[in-house]
């Protein structure tokens, strides 16, 4: 079954589907036909055929649902370790600047845990754990916040007032009276 983007099943929905599969196993053992099982469980006949084949090959365990094979997962301890390493910054891991890119995080995950993620999978992992794509605002080391506030309070109103006196349509590129 395909799901909408970012979709999937909740734990409750997954458990309900598991109960349907196990009910199918009981009906297989009772000798019911695929069509009857599909109608009773409100699933497709094709699904019932697939479940019956799995049941014949591996028993009831073969019918149980499996995790997605395409998404390698990190344990909670591994994610916590990854977060600690991300907080140390890219410089600590050999990159020349202080920017984490998805490609760099993907490389770090591969180095640390020998697990391969795609760039998109890396983004989903980070987003699930509260990380954001946004870059922090850069501030100059020399910045003087008090001087900035003083300028906003005293100088800017004077600049704003002189612009208003100059009249509409005037900009810093043209002089009043010129075209």
N, C-alpha and C. Protein backbone atom coordinates (compact mmCIF):
# COMPACT_ATOMS: atom_id res chain seq x y z
N UNK A 1 0.84 -1.18 0.00
CA UNK A 1 0.00 0.00 0.00
C UNK A 1 0.88 1.24 0.00
N UNK A 2 0.54 2.21 -0.79
CA UNK A 2 1.30 3.45 -0.84
C UNK A 2 0.58 4.50 -0.02
N UNK A 3 1.37 5.34 0.60
CA UNK A 3 0.80 6.37 1.46
C UNK A 3 1.18 7.74 0.91
N UNK A 4 0.41 8.74 1.31
CA UNK A 4 0.70 10.11 0.90
C UNK A 4 2.06 10.51 1.41
N UNK A 5 2.61 11.57 0.84
CA UNK A 5 3.94 12.02 1.24
C UNK A 5 4.01 12.22 2.73
N UNK A 6 5.08 11.70 3.33
CA UNK A 6 5.26 11.83 4.76
C UNK A 6 4.31 10.94 5.54
N UNK A 7 3.54 10.12 4.82
CA UNK A 7 2.52 9.32 5.49
C UNK A 7 3.08 8.05 6.08
N UNK A 8 2.19 7.15 6.37
CA UNK A 8 2.53 5.91 7.02
C UNK A 8 1.44 5.60 8.00
N UNK A 9 1.65 4.60 8.81
CA UNK A 9 0.64 4.19 9.77
C UNK A 9 1.05 4.56 11.18
N UNK A 10 0.07 4.91 11.97
CA UNK A 10 0.32 5.10 13.39
C UNK A 10 0.44 3.72 14.02
N UNK A 11 0.87 3.68 15.27
CA UNK A 11 0.99 2.38 15.95
C UNK A 11 -0.36 1.69 16.06
N UNK A 12 -1.41 2.46 16.32
CA UNK A 12 -2.75 1.87 16.44
C UNK A 12 -3.21 1.29 15.10
N UNK A 13 -2.97 2.03 14.01
CA UNK A 13 -3.35 1.54 12.69
C UNK A 13 -2.55 0.29 12.31
N UNK A 14 -1.28 0.29 12.66
CA UNK A 14 -0.43 -0.87 12.37
C UNK A 14 -0.93 -2.10 13.14
N UNK A 15 -1.33 -1.90 14.39
CA UNK A 15 -1.84 -3.00 15.21
C UNK A 15 -3.16 -3.53 14.63
N UNK A 16 -4.03 -2.65 14.14
CA UNK A 16 -5.29 -3.07 13.53
C UNK A 16 -5.03 -3.91 12.28
N UNK A 17 -4.07 -3.49 11.48
CA UNK A 17 -3.74 -4.28 10.28
C UNK A 17 -3.16 -5.64 10.65
N UNK A 18 -2.38 -5.66 11.72
CA UNK A 18 -1.80 -6.93 12.17
C UNK A 18 -2.91 -7.89 12.61
N UNK A 19 -3.94 -7.36 13.29
CA UNK A 19 -5.06 -8.20 13.72
C UNK A 19 -5.80 -8.78 12.50
N UNK A 20 -5.91 -7.99 11.43
CA UNK A 20 -6.57 -8.48 10.21
C UNK A 20 -5.77 -9.63 9.61
N UNK A 21 -4.47 -9.49 9.58
CA UNK A 21 -3.62 -10.55 9.03
C UNK A 21 -3.74 -11.83 9.86
N UNK A 22 -3.74 -11.67 11.17
CA UNK A 22 -3.85 -12.85 12.04
C UNK A 22 -5.23 -13.49 11.93
N UNK A 23 -6.26 -12.69 11.72
CA UNK A 23 -7.60 -13.23 11.49
C UNK A 23 -7.61 -14.03 10.19
N UNK A 24 -6.89 -13.55 9.18
CA UNK A 24 -6.79 -14.29 7.92
C UNK A 24 -6.15 -15.66 8.15
N UNK A 25 -5.11 -15.71 9.00
CA UNK A 25 -4.45 -16.99 9.29
C UNK A 25 -5.45 -17.97 9.90
N UNK A 26 -6.27 -17.50 10.84
CA UNK A 26 -7.29 -18.36 11.46
C UNK A 26 -8.23 -18.89 10.39
N UNK A 27 -8.60 -18.06 9.46
CA UNK A 27 -9.51 -18.46 8.39
C UNK A 27 -8.83 -19.41 7.39
N UNK A 28 -7.49 -19.22 7.16
CA UNK A 28 -6.76 -20.16 6.31
C UNK A 28 -6.84 -21.55 6.94
N UNK A 29 -6.58 -21.58 8.24
CA UNK A 29 -6.59 -22.87 8.96
C UNK A 29 -7.98 -23.49 8.96
N UNK A 30 -9.02 -22.65 8.88
CA UNK A 30 -10.40 -23.16 8.83
C UNK A 30 -10.82 -23.60 7.43
N UNK A 31 -9.96 -23.40 6.44
CA UNK A 31 -10.23 -23.88 5.09
C UNK A 31 -11.09 -22.95 4.24
N UNK A 32 -11.25 -21.69 4.64
CA UNK A 32 -12.06 -20.76 3.85
C UNK A 32 -11.34 -20.38 2.55
N UNK A 33 -12.11 -20.00 1.56
CA UNK A 33 -11.56 -19.58 0.27
C UNK A 33 -11.12 -18.12 0.34
N UNK A 34 -10.20 -17.76 -0.55
CA UNK A 34 -9.66 -16.40 -0.57
C UNK A 34 -10.75 -15.34 -0.74
N UNK A 35 -11.69 -15.61 -1.64
CA UNK A 35 -12.75 -14.64 -1.91
C UNK A 35 -13.57 -14.38 -0.64
N UNK A 36 -13.89 -15.44 0.10
CA UNK A 36 -14.68 -15.29 1.33
C UNK A 36 -13.91 -14.50 2.39
N UNK A 37 -12.62 -14.80 2.50
CA UNK A 37 -11.78 -14.11 3.49
C UNK A 37 -11.68 -12.63 3.12
N UNK A 38 -11.45 -12.34 1.85
CA UNK A 38 -11.32 -10.95 1.40
C UNK A 38 -12.59 -10.17 1.69
N UNK A 39 -13.74 -10.77 1.43
CA UNK A 39 -15.01 -10.09 1.66
C UNK A 39 -15.23 -9.86 3.16
N UNK A 40 -14.94 -10.87 3.97
CA UNK A 40 -15.18 -10.77 5.41
C UNK A 40 -14.24 -9.74 6.07
N UNK A 41 -13.00 -9.68 5.61
CA UNK A 41 -12.02 -8.78 6.22
C UNK A 41 -11.94 -7.43 5.51
N UNK A 42 -12.69 -7.30 4.39
CA UNK A 42 -12.72 -6.05 3.62
C UNK A 42 -11.32 -5.66 3.13
N UNK A 43 -10.64 -6.64 2.50
CA UNK A 43 -9.34 -6.42 1.89
C UNK A 43 -9.40 -6.98 0.48
N UNK A 44 -8.36 -6.75 -0.30
CA UNK A 44 -8.38 -7.26 -1.68
C UNK A 44 -8.05 -8.76 -1.69
N UNK A 45 -8.55 -9.42 -2.72
CA UNK A 45 -8.24 -10.84 -2.88
C UNK A 45 -6.74 -11.04 -3.09
N UNK A 46 -6.13 -10.11 -3.79
CA UNK A 46 -4.70 -10.21 -4.05
C UNK A 46 -3.90 -10.22 -2.73
N UNK A 47 -4.31 -9.39 -1.77
CA UNK A 47 -3.63 -9.39 -0.46
C UNK A 47 -3.81 -10.73 0.23
N UNK A 48 -5.02 -11.26 0.17
CA UNK A 48 -5.29 -12.55 0.81
C UNK A 48 -4.45 -13.64 0.14
N UNK A 49 -4.34 -13.61 -1.20
CA UNK A 49 -3.51 -14.59 -1.90
C UNK A 49 -2.07 -14.51 -1.45
N UNK A 50 -1.56 -13.28 -1.33
CA UNK A 50 -0.18 -13.08 -0.89
C UNK A 50 0.02 -13.60 0.54
N UNK A 51 -0.94 -13.28 1.43
CA UNK A 51 -0.83 -13.73 2.82
C UNK A 51 -0.88 -15.26 2.89
N UNK A 52 -1.76 -15.87 2.07
CA UNK A 52 -1.87 -17.33 2.09
C UNK A 52 -0.55 -17.97 1.64
N UNK A 53 0.08 -17.40 0.60
CA UNK A 53 1.36 -17.92 0.13
C UNK A 53 2.42 -17.81 1.22
N UNK A 54 2.46 -16.66 1.88
CA UNK A 54 3.43 -16.46 2.97
C UNK A 54 3.15 -17.43 4.12
N UNK A 55 1.88 -17.67 4.39
CA UNK A 55 1.48 -18.58 5.46
C UNK A 55 1.92 -20.02 5.15
N UNK A 56 1.76 -20.43 3.88
CA UNK A 56 2.18 -21.77 3.48
C UNK A 56 3.69 -21.94 3.61
N UNK A 57 4.44 -20.88 3.22
CA UNK A 57 5.91 -20.97 3.22
C UNK A 57 6.52 -20.87 4.61
N UNK A 58 5.97 -19.98 5.46
CA UNK A 58 6.63 -19.73 6.76
C UNK A 58 5.71 -19.79 7.95
N UNK A 59 4.47 -20.15 7.76
CA UNK A 59 3.53 -20.22 8.87
C UNK A 59 3.02 -18.83 9.25
N UNK A 60 2.47 -18.75 10.44
CA UNK A 60 1.85 -17.50 10.90
C UNK A 60 2.87 -16.35 10.96
N UNK A 61 4.13 -16.66 11.26
CA UNK A 61 5.16 -15.60 11.31
C UNK A 61 5.38 -14.96 9.95
N UNK A 62 5.17 -15.71 8.87
CA UNK A 62 5.37 -15.17 7.54
C UNK A 62 4.34 -14.13 7.14
N UNK A 63 3.19 -14.15 7.82
CA UNK A 63 2.11 -13.23 7.48
C UNK A 63 2.27 -11.90 8.22
N UNK A 64 3.01 -11.88 9.29
CA UNK A 64 3.16 -10.64 10.07
C UNK A 64 3.83 -9.56 9.24
N UNK A 65 3.42 -8.33 9.50
CA UNK A 65 3.98 -7.21 8.74
C UNK A 65 5.42 -6.97 9.16
N UNK A 66 6.14 -6.37 8.24
CA UNK A 66 7.55 -6.10 8.48
C UNK A 66 7.79 -4.60 8.44
N UNK A 67 8.86 -4.16 9.04
CA UNK A 67 9.24 -2.76 8.98
C UNK A 67 9.67 -2.42 7.55
N UNK A 68 9.68 -1.14 7.24
CA UNK A 68 10.12 -0.69 5.93
C UNK A 68 11.58 -1.09 5.71
N UNK A 69 11.89 -1.81 4.63
CA UNK A 69 13.27 -2.23 4.42
C UNK A 69 14.16 -1.10 3.92
N UNK A 70 13.55 0.00 3.44
CA UNK A 70 14.32 1.05 2.82
C UNK A 70 14.85 2.11 3.77
N UNK A 71 14.42 2.10 5.02
CA UNK A 71 14.83 3.16 5.93
C UNK A 71 15.66 2.59 7.08
N UNK A 72 16.99 2.72 7.00
CA UNK A 72 17.78 2.26 8.13
C UNK A 72 17.50 3.16 9.32
N UNK A 73 17.48 2.59 10.48
CA UNK A 73 17.13 3.38 11.65
C UNK A 73 18.28 3.41 12.63
N UNK A 74 18.40 4.55 13.27
CA UNK A 74 19.35 4.68 14.36
C UNK A 74 18.58 4.49 15.65
N UNK A 75 19.21 3.86 16.62
CA UNK A 75 18.58 3.69 17.92
C UNK A 75 18.52 5.04 18.63
N UNK A 76 17.76 5.11 19.71
CA UNK A 76 17.66 6.36 20.47
C UNK A 76 19.03 6.77 21.00
N UNK A 77 19.83 5.80 21.42
CA UNK A 77 21.18 6.12 21.92
C UNK A 77 22.06 6.67 20.79
N UNK A 78 21.93 6.11 19.60
CA UNK A 78 22.71 6.59 18.47
C UNK A 78 22.29 8.00 18.07
N UNK A 79 20.99 8.28 18.10
CA UNK A 79 20.52 9.63 17.76
C UNK A 79 21.04 10.62 18.79
N UNK A 80 21.01 10.24 20.07
CA UNK A 80 21.52 11.14 21.12
C UNK A 80 23.01 11.41 20.90
N UNK A 81 23.76 10.37 20.53
CA UNK A 81 25.19 10.55 20.26
C UNK A 81 25.40 11.45 19.04
N UNK A 82 24.59 11.25 18.00
CA UNK A 82 24.66 12.09 16.80
C UNK A 82 24.40 13.55 17.16
N UNK A 83 23.39 13.79 17.98
CA UNK A 83 23.08 15.17 18.37
C UNK A 83 24.24 15.82 19.13
N UNK A 84 24.87 15.05 20.01
CA UNK A 84 26.04 15.59 20.73
C UNK A 84 27.15 15.96 19.76
N UNK A 85 27.37 15.12 18.76
CA UNK A 85 28.41 15.39 17.78
C UNK A 85 28.05 16.59 16.90
N UNK A 86 26.77 16.72 16.55
CA UNK A 86 26.35 17.87 15.76
C UNK A 86 26.55 19.16 16.55
N UNK A 87 26.29 19.11 17.85
CA UNK A 87 26.47 20.30 18.68
C UNK A 87 27.95 20.71 18.78
N UNK A 88 28.85 19.76 18.62
CA UNK A 88 30.28 20.09 18.64
C UNK A 88 30.68 20.92 17.43
N UNK A 89 29.93 20.77 16.34
CA UNK A 89 30.17 21.58 15.15
C UNK A 89 30.98 20.86 14.09
N UNK A 90 30.90 21.36 12.86
CA UNK A 90 31.62 20.75 11.74
C UNK A 90 33.14 20.84 11.86
N UNK A 91 33.65 21.89 12.49
CA UNK A 91 35.10 22.01 12.64
C UNK A 91 35.69 20.82 13.39
N UNK A 92 34.96 20.35 14.40
CA UNK A 92 35.43 19.22 15.19
C UNK A 92 35.50 17.94 14.37
N UNK A 93 34.83 17.93 13.24
CA UNK A 93 34.80 16.73 12.40
C UNK A 93 35.56 16.90 11.09
N UNK A 94 36.35 17.96 11.00
CA UNK A 94 37.25 18.10 9.86
C UNK A 94 36.80 19.01 8.74
N UNK A 95 35.65 19.64 8.85
CA UNK A 95 35.23 20.58 7.81
C UNK A 95 35.79 21.96 8.13
N UNK A 96 35.95 22.77 7.10
CA UNK A 96 36.65 24.04 7.25
C UNK A 96 35.81 25.17 7.82
N UNK A 97 34.49 25.05 7.78
CA UNK A 97 33.66 26.12 8.31
C UNK A 97 32.64 25.56 9.30
N UNK A 98 31.81 26.42 9.83
CA UNK A 98 30.87 26.04 10.87
C UNK A 98 29.45 25.83 10.32
N UNK A 99 29.33 25.29 9.13
CA UNK A 99 28.01 25.05 8.55
C UNK A 99 27.75 23.56 8.44
N UNK A 100 26.63 23.13 9.02
CA UNK A 100 26.19 21.76 8.82
C UNK A 100 25.31 21.73 7.57
N UNK A 101 25.68 20.93 6.60
CA UNK A 101 24.82 20.70 5.44
C UNK A 101 24.29 19.28 5.57
N UNK A 102 23.23 18.98 4.84
CA UNK A 102 22.68 17.63 4.90
C UNK A 102 23.71 16.61 4.42
N UNK A 103 24.48 16.98 3.40
CA UNK A 103 25.51 16.06 2.89
C UNK A 103 26.55 15.77 3.97
N UNK A 104 26.92 16.79 4.74
CA UNK A 104 27.90 16.59 5.81
C UNK A 104 27.33 15.73 6.93
N UNK A 105 26.07 15.97 7.29
CA UNK A 105 25.44 15.16 8.34
C UNK A 105 25.33 13.72 7.87
N UNK A 106 24.98 13.52 6.60
CA UNK A 106 24.90 12.18 6.02
C UNK A 106 26.26 11.48 6.11
N UNK A 107 27.31 12.20 5.78
CA UNK A 107 28.67 11.65 5.85
C UNK A 107 29.03 11.31 7.29
N UNK A 108 28.68 12.19 8.22
CA UNK A 108 28.97 11.95 9.63
C UNK A 108 28.25 10.70 10.13
N UNK A 109 26.99 10.53 9.76
CA UNK A 109 26.24 9.33 10.16
C UNK A 109 26.93 8.08 9.62
N UNK A 110 27.36 8.14 8.36
CA UNK A 110 28.06 6.99 7.78
C UNK A 110 29.35 6.68 8.51
N UNK A 111 30.12 7.72 8.86
CA UNK A 111 31.38 7.51 9.57
C UNK A 111 31.16 6.94 10.97
N UNK A 112 30.16 7.48 11.66
CA UNK A 112 29.95 7.10 13.06
C UNK A 112 29.27 5.75 13.22
N UNK A 113 28.27 5.48 12.39
CA UNK A 113 27.42 4.31 12.62
C UNK A 113 27.45 3.29 11.49
N UNK A 114 28.18 3.57 10.42
CA UNK A 114 28.27 2.67 9.27
C UNK A 114 26.88 2.34 8.73
N UNK A 115 26.05 3.40 8.65
CA UNK A 115 24.70 3.29 8.13
C UNK A 115 24.59 4.32 7.01
N UNK A 116 23.97 3.92 5.91
CA UNK A 116 23.86 4.82 4.76
C UNK A 116 22.46 5.43 4.71
N UNK A 117 22.40 6.74 4.75
CA UNK A 117 21.16 7.48 4.57
C UNK A 117 21.26 8.26 3.26
N UNK A 118 20.12 8.55 2.66
CA UNK A 118 20.11 9.49 1.54
C UNK A 118 20.08 10.89 2.14
N UNK A 119 20.30 11.90 1.31
CA UNK A 119 20.23 13.28 1.81
C UNK A 119 18.81 13.56 2.31
N UNK A 120 17.80 13.10 1.56
CA UNK A 120 16.41 13.30 1.99
C UNK A 120 16.13 12.54 3.28
N UNK A 121 16.64 11.32 3.40
CA UNK A 121 16.46 10.56 4.63
C UNK A 121 17.13 11.22 5.82
N UNK A 122 18.27 11.85 5.56
CA UNK A 122 18.97 12.58 6.62
C UNK A 122 18.12 13.74 7.09
N UNK A 123 17.52 14.47 6.14
CA UNK A 123 16.65 15.59 6.50
C UNK A 123 15.46 15.11 7.32
N UNK A 124 14.84 14.00 6.94
CA UNK A 124 13.70 13.48 7.69
C UNK A 124 14.11 13.07 9.10
N UNK A 125 15.27 12.43 9.23
CA UNK A 125 15.76 12.04 10.54
C UNK A 125 15.95 13.27 11.43
N UNK A 126 16.61 14.29 10.89
CA UNK A 126 16.86 15.50 11.67
C UNK A 126 15.56 16.20 12.04
N UNK A 127 14.66 16.29 11.09
CA UNK A 127 13.39 16.96 11.35
C UNK A 127 12.58 16.23 12.41
N UNK A 128 12.60 14.88 12.37
CA UNK A 128 11.89 14.10 13.39
C UNK A 128 12.41 14.38 14.79
N UNK A 129 13.68 14.76 14.87
CA UNK A 129 14.29 14.98 16.18
C UNK A 129 14.46 16.46 16.50
N UNK A 130 13.68 17.31 15.84
CA UNK A 130 13.59 18.71 16.22
C UNK A 130 14.63 19.64 15.63
N UNK A 131 15.42 19.18 14.67
CA UNK A 131 16.41 20.06 14.05
C UNK A 131 15.74 20.87 12.96
N UNK A 132 16.28 22.03 12.67
CA UNK A 132 15.70 22.94 11.70
C UNK A 132 16.71 23.22 10.60
N UNK A 133 16.22 23.59 9.42
CA UNK A 133 17.11 23.92 8.31
C UNK A 133 17.61 25.33 8.42
N UNK A 134 17.02 26.13 9.27
CA UNK A 134 17.35 27.54 9.32
C UNK A 134 18.75 27.78 9.87
N UNK A 135 19.39 28.79 9.31
CA UNK A 135 20.70 29.18 9.80
C UNK A 135 20.51 30.29 10.83
N UNK A 136 21.31 30.29 11.86
CA UNK A 136 21.19 31.37 12.83
C UNK A 136 21.63 32.69 12.19
N UNK A 137 21.08 33.78 12.70
CA UNK A 137 21.45 35.10 12.19
C UNK A 137 22.91 35.37 12.53
N UNK A 138 23.63 35.89 11.57
CA UNK A 138 25.03 36.19 11.81
C UNK A 138 25.15 37.56 12.46
N UNK A 139 25.99 37.66 13.42
CA UNK A 139 26.24 38.95 14.06
C UNK A 139 27.74 39.16 14.12
N UNK A 140 28.14 40.36 13.80
CA UNK A 140 29.56 40.69 13.85
C UNK A 140 30.03 40.66 15.31
N UNK A 141 31.23 40.20 15.52
CA UNK A 141 31.80 40.16 16.87
C UNK A 141 31.89 41.58 17.43
N UNK A 142 32.15 42.54 16.56
CA UNK A 142 32.32 43.93 16.99
C UNK A 142 31.01 44.64 17.24
N UNK A 143 29.89 44.01 16.98
CA UNK A 143 28.59 44.65 17.09
C UNK A 143 28.36 45.18 18.51
N UNK A 144 27.87 46.40 18.58
CA UNK A 144 27.57 47.04 19.86
C UNK A 144 26.06 47.27 19.91
N UNK A 145 25.34 46.38 20.60
CA UNK A 145 23.88 46.45 20.62
C UNK A 145 23.37 47.76 21.21
N UNK A 146 24.07 48.31 22.19
CA UNK A 146 23.64 49.58 22.79
C UNK A 146 23.73 50.72 21.76
N UNK A 147 24.80 50.73 20.98
CA UNK A 147 24.96 51.76 19.96
C UNK A 147 23.89 51.63 18.88
N UNK A 148 23.53 50.41 18.54
CA UNK A 148 22.48 50.19 17.55
C UNK A 148 21.15 50.72 18.06
N UNK A 149 20.82 50.41 19.30
CA UNK A 149 19.57 50.89 19.89
C UNK A 149 19.53 52.41 19.97
N UNK A 150 20.66 53.02 20.35
CA UNK A 150 20.76 54.47 20.41
C UNK A 150 20.54 55.08 19.02
N UNK A 151 21.15 54.51 17.99
CA UNK A 151 20.99 55.00 16.63
C UNK A 151 19.52 54.90 16.20
N UNK A 152 18.87 53.77 16.50
CA UNK A 152 17.46 53.59 16.15
C UNK A 152 16.58 54.65 16.83
N UNK A 153 16.91 54.94 18.08
CA UNK A 153 16.08 55.87 18.85
C UNK A 153 16.33 57.33 18.47
N UNK A 154 17.56 57.71 18.17
CA UNK A 154 17.88 59.12 17.97
C UNK A 154 18.14 59.51 16.52
N UNK A 155 18.91 58.72 15.80
CA UNK A 155 19.30 59.11 14.44
C UNK A 155 18.23 58.74 13.42
N UNK A 156 17.69 57.57 13.48
CA UNK A 156 16.73 57.12 12.47
C UNK A 156 15.51 58.03 12.39
N UNK A 157 14.92 58.47 13.50
CA UNK A 157 13.78 59.39 13.36
C UNK A 157 14.12 60.66 12.59
N UNK A 158 15.35 61.18 12.75
CA UNK A 158 15.76 62.37 12.01
C UNK A 158 15.87 62.06 10.51
N UNK A 159 16.43 60.92 10.18
CA UNK A 159 16.56 60.51 8.77
C UNK A 159 15.18 60.35 8.17
N UNK A 160 14.29 59.69 8.90
CA UNK A 160 12.93 59.46 8.43
C UNK A 160 12.20 60.79 8.21
N UNK A 161 12.38 61.72 9.12
CA UNK A 161 11.72 63.03 9.00
C UNK A 161 12.24 63.79 7.78
N UNK A 162 13.54 63.75 7.53
CA UNK A 162 14.09 64.48 6.37
C UNK A 162 13.60 63.86 5.07
N UNK A 163 13.38 62.56 5.04
CA UNK A 163 12.84 61.91 3.83
C UNK A 163 11.41 62.35 3.59
N UNK A 164 10.64 62.50 4.65
CA UNK A 164 9.25 62.92 4.50
C UNK A 164 9.16 64.37 4.02
N UNK A 165 10.07 65.24 4.50
CA UNK A 165 10.06 66.65 4.09
C UNK A 165 10.40 66.79 2.61
N UNK A 166 11.21 65.88 2.08
CA UNK A 166 11.64 65.98 0.69
C UNK A 166 10.48 65.76 -0.27
N UNK A 167 9.44 65.11 0.18
CA UNK A 167 8.24 64.95 -0.64
C UNK A 167 8.19 63.62 -1.35
N UNK A 168 7.03 63.31 -1.93
CA UNK A 168 6.85 62.02 -2.60
C UNK A 168 7.65 61.94 -3.89
N UNK A 169 8.07 60.74 -4.24
CA UNK A 169 8.79 60.53 -5.49
C UNK A 169 10.26 60.84 -5.43
N UNK A 170 10.72 61.41 -4.33
CA UNK A 170 12.14 61.74 -4.21
C UNK A 170 12.87 60.57 -3.61
N UNK A 171 14.00 60.23 -4.17
CA UNK A 171 14.81 59.17 -3.59
C UNK A 171 16.23 59.69 -3.49
N UNK A 172 17.07 58.89 -2.92
CA UNK A 172 18.46 59.32 -2.72
C UNK A 172 19.19 59.41 -4.05
N UNK A 173 18.64 58.84 -5.13
CA UNK A 173 19.34 58.85 -6.41
C UNK A 173 19.06 60.14 -7.20
N UNK A 174 17.99 60.80 -6.88
CA UNK A 174 17.65 62.01 -7.62
C UNK A 174 17.61 63.22 -6.69
N UNK A 175 17.89 64.37 -7.25
CA UNK A 175 17.78 65.59 -6.46
C UNK A 175 16.40 66.19 -6.69
N UNK A 176 15.88 66.86 -5.69
CA UNK A 176 14.57 67.51 -5.91
C UNK A 176 14.65 68.44 -7.10
N UNK A 177 13.64 68.40 -7.96
CA UNK A 177 13.58 69.28 -9.12
C UNK A 177 14.23 68.70 -10.35
N UNK A 178 14.95 67.59 -10.29
CA UNK A 178 15.58 66.99 -11.47
C UNK A 178 14.79 65.77 -11.92
N UNK A 179 14.98 65.37 -13.15
CA UNK A 179 14.26 64.20 -13.68
C UNK A 179 15.08 63.01 -13.63
